[in-house]
Amino acid sequence: MSSVNMLQAKSTLSRLVEAIEQGKEREIIIARNGRPAARLVPMDSVPAGRRIGVARGKFEVPDSIDVHNDEVARLFLGGQP
């Protein structure tokens, strides 16, 4: 992992991106006034974030949840209930 300041990142952005794309660098930290401000990483290594199961245990699904499926399908297809 390497670190560059903002001015250096501005003037060498294409080279920094190329280094990431070619795997020469795993990540590059961009600093502003000596403090880390941003991270340059390859697109495929960016975590997508946790999504599936985030509401697990917060809701109770009734056993009768599918009772009206036929009626709802008819309504979507333009039929009358």
C-alpha atoms as a PDB file:
ATOM      1  CA  MET A   1       0.000   0.000   0.000  1.00  0.00           C
ATOM      2  CA  SER A   2       1.352   3.381  -0.939  1.00  0.00           C
ATOM      3  CA  SER A   3       0.262   6.868  -0.008  1.00  0.00           C
ATOM      4  CA  VAL A   4       0.273  10.051  -2.096  1.00  0.00           C
ATOM      5  CA  ASN A   5      -0.715  13.622  -1.341  1.00  0.00           C
ATOM      6  CA  MET A   6      -3.618  15.313  -3.140  1.00  0.00           C
ATOM      7  CA  LEU A   7      -1.450  17.369  -5.508  1.00  0.00           C
ATOM      8  CA  GLN A   8       0.566  14.317  -6.522  1.00  0.00           C
ATOM      9  CA  ALA A   9      -2.661  12.337  -7.024  1.00  0.00           C
ATOM     10  CA  LYS A  10      -4.074  15.070  -9.273  1.00  0.00           C
ATOM     11  CA  SER A  11      -0.997  15.210 -11.471  1.00  0.00           C
ATOM     12  CA  THR A  12      -0.443  11.442 -11.678  1.00  0.00           C
ATOM     13  CA  LEU A  13      -4.000  10.073 -11.530  1.00  0.00           C
ATOM     14  CA  SER A  14      -3.749   8.073 -14.753  1.00  0.00           C
ATOM     15  CA  ARG A  15      -0.529   6.408 -13.547  1.00  0.00           C
ATOM     16  CA  LEU A  16      -2.076   5.633 -10.169  1.00  0.00           C
ATOM     17  CA  VAL A  17      -5.132   4.054 -11.797  1.00  0.00           C
ATOM     18  CA  GLU A  18      -2.895   2.073 -14.132  1.00  0.00           C
ATOM     19  CA  ALA A  19      -0.899   0.728 -11.180  1.00  0.00           C
ATOM     20  CA  ILE A  20      -4.148  -0.411  -9.536  1.00  0.00           C
ATOM     21  CA  GLU A  21      -5.463  -1.989 -12.768  1.00  0.00           C
ATOM     22  CA  GLN A  22      -2.236  -3.893 -13.387  1.00  0.00           C
ATOM     23  CA  GLY A  23      -2.066  -5.155  -9.824  1.00  0.00           C
ATOM     24  CA  LYS A  24       1.175  -3.326  -9.014  1.00  0.00           C
ATOM     25  CA  GLU A  25      -0.631  -1.696  -6.092  1.00  0.00           C
ATOM     26  CA  ARG A  26      -3.451  -3.242  -4.059  1.00  0.00           C
ATOM     27  CA  GLU A  27      -4.606   0.141  -2.779  1.00  0.00           C
ATOM     28  CA  ILE A  28      -3.374   3.711  -2.786  1.00  0.00           C
ATOM     29  CA  ILE A  29      -4.210   6.117   0.014  1.00  0.00           C
ATOM     30  CA  ILE A  30      -4.716   9.755  -1.004  1.00  0.00           C
ATOM     31  CA  ALA A  31      -3.927  12.212   1.770  1.00  0.00           C
ATOM     32  CA  ARG A  32      -4.961  15.819   2.273  1.00  0.00           C
ATOM     33  CA  ASN A  33      -2.748  17.904   4.568  1.00  0.00           C
ATOM     34  CA  GLY A  34      -0.952  14.743   5.678  1.00  0.00           C
ATOM     35  CA  ARG A  35      -4.142  12.912   6.755  1.00  0.00           C
ATOM     36  CA  PRO A  36      -5.680  10.010   4.804  1.00  0.00           C
ATOM     37  CA  ALA A  37      -8.749  11.239   2.897  1.00  0.00           C
ATOM     38  CA  ALA A  38      -9.529   8.610   0.243  1.00  0.00           C
ATOM     39  CA  ARG A  39      -8.607   5.132  -0.886  1.00  0.00           C
ATOM     40  CA  LEU A  40      -8.046   4.094  -4.512  1.00  0.00           C
ATOM     41  CA  VAL A  41      -8.788   0.368  -4.976  1.00  0.00           C
ATOM     42  CA  PRO A  42      -9.702  -1.888  -7.911  1.00  0.00           C
ATOM     43  CA  MET A  43     -13.427  -2.072  -8.673  1.00  0.00           C
ATOM     44  CA  ASP A  44     -13.731  -5.811  -8.034  1.00  0.00           C
ATOM     45  CA  SER A  45     -12.207  -5.531  -4.568  1.00  0.00           C
ATOM     46  CA  VAL A  46     -14.696  -2.980  -3.246  1.00  0.00           C
ATOM     47  CA  PRO A  47     -16.934  -4.751  -0.755  1.00  0.00           C
ATOM     48  CA  ALA A  48     -20.581  -4.691  -1.776  1.00  0.00           C
ATOM     49  CA  GLY A  49     -21.737  -4.330   1.773  1.00  0.00           C
ATOM     50  CA  ARG A  50     -23.935  -6.661   3.720  1.00  0.00           C
ATOM     51  CA  ARG A  51     -27.395  -6.838   2.193  1.00  0.00           C
ATOM     52  CA  ILE A  52     -28.969 -10.287   2.421  1.00  0.00           C
ATOM     53  CA  GLY A  53     -30.454 -11.030   5.799  1.00  0.00           C
ATOM     54  CA  VAL A  54     -30.171  -7.529   7.229  1.00  0.00           C
ATOM     55  CA  ALA A  55     -33.762  -7.681   8.575  1.00  0.00           C
ATOM     56  CA  ARG A  56     -33.556 -11.253   9.857  1.00  0.00           C
ATOM     57  CA  GLY A  57     -35.441 -11.554  13.125  1.00  0.00           C
ATOM     58  CA  LYS A  58     -37.004  -8.097  12.897  1.00  0.00           C
ATOM     59  CA  PHE A  59     -40.263  -9.200  11.253  1.00  0.00           C
ATOM     60  CA  GLU A  60     -42.605 -12.104  11.716  1.00  0.00           C
ATOM     61  CA  VAL A  61     -44.032 -13.627   8.547  1.00  0.00           C
ATOM     62  CA  PRO A  62     -47.544 -15.051   9.058  1.00  0.00           C
ATOM     63  CA  ASP A  63     -48.333 -18.576   7.872  1.00  0.00           C
ATOM     64  CA  SER A  64     -51.126 -17.141   5.690  1.00  0.00           C
ATOM     65  CA  ILE A  65     -48.834 -14.903   3.640  1.00  0.00           C
ATOM     66  CA  ASP A  66     -49.655 -16.689   0.356  1.00  0.00           C
ATOM     67  CA  VAL A  67     -53.445 -16.848   0.810  1.00  0.00           C
ATOM     68  CA  HIS A  68     -54.229 -14.017  -1.640  1.00  0.00           C
ATOM     69  CA  ASN A  69     -51.637 -14.816  -4.346  1.00  0.00           C
ATOM     70  CA  ASP A  70     -54.215 -15.925  -6.948  1.00  0.00           C
ATOM     71  CA  GLU A  71     -56.349 -12.824  -6.370  1.00  0.00           C
ATOM     72  CA  VAL A  72     -53.350 -10.500  -6.633  1.00  0.00           C
ATOM     73  CA  ALA A  73     -52.179 -12.223  -9.845  1.00  0.00           C
ATOM     74  CA  ARG A  74     -55.649 -11.785 -11.379  1.00  0.00           C
ATOM     75  CA  LEU A  75     -55.643  -8.089 -10.495  1.00  0.00           C
ATOM     76  CA  PHE A  76     -52.235  -7.608 -12.121  1.00  0.00           C
ATOM     77  CA  LEU A  77     -53.490  -9.320 -15.262  1.00  0.00           C
ATOM     78  CA  GLY A  78     -56.507  -6.995 -15.446  1.00  0.00           C
ATOM     79  CA  GLY A  79     -59.131  -9.407 -14.109  1.00  0.00           C
ATOM     80  CA  GLN A  80     -61.721  -8.745 -11.453  1.00  0.00           C
ATOM     81  CA  PRO A  81     -61.507 -10.391  -7.999  1.00  0.00           C
END
